[in-house]
Amino acid sequence: MLSFSEKVRIILKRKNLTIKDLADLLNISSQNLSNKFSRNNFSEKDIKQITEALNCEYEIKIKVKDTAEEI
């Protein structure tokens, strides 16, 4: 399973963008974003902002194993 960082790197490559380009779209420093990528440390808010900046959709599901309920 790919990490979020790896998935975003794939999308950036396909869109011919760099991490610096993404940082500019997010109005944050490229150093800050690079640090998040190296640690794969993204909050749900970060994920939402990144996916919106890249014109992508995302969803997070939690599935209760006992009942198969998705929350």
C-alpha atoms as a PDB file:
ATOM      1  CA  MET A   1       0.000   0.000   0.000  1.00  0.00           C
ATOM      2  CA  LEU A   2       1.371   3.385  -0.986  1.00  0.00           C
ATOM      3  CA  SER A   3       1.768   6.126   1.593  1.00  0.00           C
ATOM      4  CA  PHE A   4       0.030   9.452   1.090  1.00  0.00           C
ATOM      5  CA  SER A   5       3.403  11.022   0.241  1.00  0.00           C
ATOM      6  CA  GLU A   6       4.028   8.430  -2.460  1.00  0.00           C
ATOM      7  CA  LYS A   7       0.560   8.900  -3.936  1.00  0.00           C
ATOM      8  CA  VAL A   8       0.978  12.675  -4.095  1.00  0.00           C
ATOM      9  CA  ARG A   9       4.418  12.325  -5.685  1.00  0.00           C
ATOM     10  CA  ILE A  10       2.855  10.186  -8.423  1.00  0.00           C
ATOM     11  CA  ILE A  11       0.155  12.803  -9.030  1.00  0.00           C
ATOM     12  CA  LEU A  12       2.728  15.603  -9.066  1.00  0.00           C
ATOM     13  CA  LYS A  13       4.811  13.723 -11.625  1.00  0.00           C
ATOM     14  CA  ARG A  14       1.776  13.095 -13.845  1.00  0.00           C
ATOM     15  CA  LYS A  15       0.873  16.784 -13.666  1.00  0.00           C
ATOM     16  CA  ASN A  16       4.488  17.886 -14.243  1.00  0.00           C
ATOM     17  CA  LEU A  17       4.569  19.680 -10.895  1.00  0.00           C
ATOM     18  CA  THR A  18       7.171  19.800  -8.138  1.00  0.00           C
ATOM     19  CA  ILE A  19       6.786  19.913  -4.378  1.00  0.00           C
ATOM     20  CA  LYS A  20       7.738  23.583  -4.627  1.00  0.00           C
ATOM     21  CA  ASP A  21       4.883  24.127  -7.101  1.00  0.00           C
ATOM     22  CA  LEU A  22       2.495  22.445  -4.694  1.00  0.00           C
ATOM     23  CA  ALA A  23       3.819  24.513  -1.784  1.00  0.00           C
ATOM     24  CA  ASP A  24       3.170  27.658  -3.833  1.00  0.00           C
ATOM     25  CA  LEU A  25      -0.403  26.503  -4.509  1.00  0.00           C
ATOM     26  CA  LEU A  26      -0.871  25.937  -0.775  1.00  0.00           C
ATOM     27  CA  ASN A  27       0.830  29.226   0.221  1.00  0.00           C
ATOM     28  CA  ILE A  28       3.290  27.448   2.505  1.00  0.00           C
ATOM     29  CA  SER A  29       7.067  27.146   2.407  1.00  0.00           C
ATOM     30  CA  SER A  30       8.535  24.408   0.272  1.00  0.00           C
ATOM     31  CA  GLN A  31      10.760  23.458   3.237  1.00  0.00           C
ATOM     32  CA  ASN A  32       7.710  22.889   5.446  1.00  0.00           C
ATOM     33  CA  LEU A  33       6.013  20.779   2.789  1.00  0.00           C
ATOM     34  CA  SER A  34       9.210  18.818   2.062  1.00  0.00           C
ATOM     35  CA  ASN A  35       9.474  18.007   5.768  1.00  0.00           C
ATOM     36  CA  LYS A  36       5.909  16.688   5.777  1.00  0.00           C
ATOM     37  CA  PHE A  37       6.714  14.551   2.727  1.00  0.00           C
ATOM     38  CA  SER A  38       9.896  13.127   4.248  1.00  0.00           C
ATOM     39  CA  ARG A  39       8.051  12.167   7.449  1.00  0.00           C
ATOM     40  CA  ASN A  40       4.766  11.319   5.690  1.00  0.00           C
ATOM     41  CA  ASN A  41       3.166  13.429   8.398  1.00  0.00           C
ATOM     42  CA  PHE A  42      -0.062  14.979   7.129  1.00  0.00           C
ATOM     43  CA  SER A  43      -3.138  15.979   9.074  1.00  0.00           C
ATOM     44  CA  GLU A  44      -6.568  15.389   7.589  1.00  0.00           C
ATOM     45  CA  LYS A  45      -6.699  19.147   6.950  1.00  0.00           C
ATOM     46  CA  ASP A  46      -3.394  18.937   5.026  1.00  0.00           C
ATOM     47  CA  ILE A  47      -4.725  16.040   2.963  1.00  0.00           C
ATOM     48  CA  LYS A  48      -7.878  17.970   2.085  1.00  0.00           C
ATOM     49  CA  GLN A  49      -5.916  21.073   1.060  1.00  0.00           C
ATOM     50  CA  ILE A  50      -3.429  19.088  -1.018  1.00  0.00           C
ATOM     51  CA  THR A  51      -6.073  17.081  -2.840  1.00  0.00           C
ATOM     52  CA  GLU A  52      -8.095  20.223  -3.566  1.00  0.00           C
ATOM     53  CA  ALA A  53      -4.990  22.030  -4.848  1.00  0.00           C
ATOM     54  CA  LEU A  54      -4.291  19.086  -7.157  1.00  0.00           C
ATOM     55  CA  ASN A  55      -7.925  18.909  -8.324  1.00  0.00           C
ATOM     56  CA  CYS A  56      -8.390  15.456  -6.818  1.00  0.00           C
ATOM     57  CA  GLU A  57     -10.969  13.813  -4.580  1.00  0.00           C
ATOM     58  CA  TYR A  58     -10.232  11.916  -1.405  1.00  0.00           C
ATOM     59  CA  GLU A  59     -12.203   9.918   1.085  1.00  0.00           C
ATOM     60  CA  ILE A  60     -11.377   8.471   4.439  1.00  0.00           C
ATOM     61  CA  LYS A  61     -13.423   5.560   5.710  1.00  0.00           C
ATOM     62  CA  ILE A  62     -13.325   3.639   8.917  1.00  0.00           C
ATOM     63  CA  LYS A  63     -14.912   0.210   8.763  1.00  0.00           C
ATOM     64  CA  VAL A  64     -15.915  -1.505  11.996  1.00  0.00           C
ATOM     65  CA  LYS A  65     -14.802  -5.104  11.583  1.00  0.00           C
ATOM     66  CA  ASP A  66     -17.459  -6.598  13.854  1.00  0.00           C
ATOM     67  CA  THR A  67     -20.391  -5.053  12.003  1.00  0.00           C
ATOM     68  CA  ALA A  68     -18.889  -4.020   8.652  1.00  0.00           C
ATOM     69  CA  GLU A  69     -20.348  -0.579   9.328  1.00  0.00           C
ATOM     70  CA  GLU A  70     -18.539   2.258   7.564  1.00  0.00           C
ATOM     71  CA  ILE A  71     -18.247   5.514   9.427  1.00  0.00           C
END
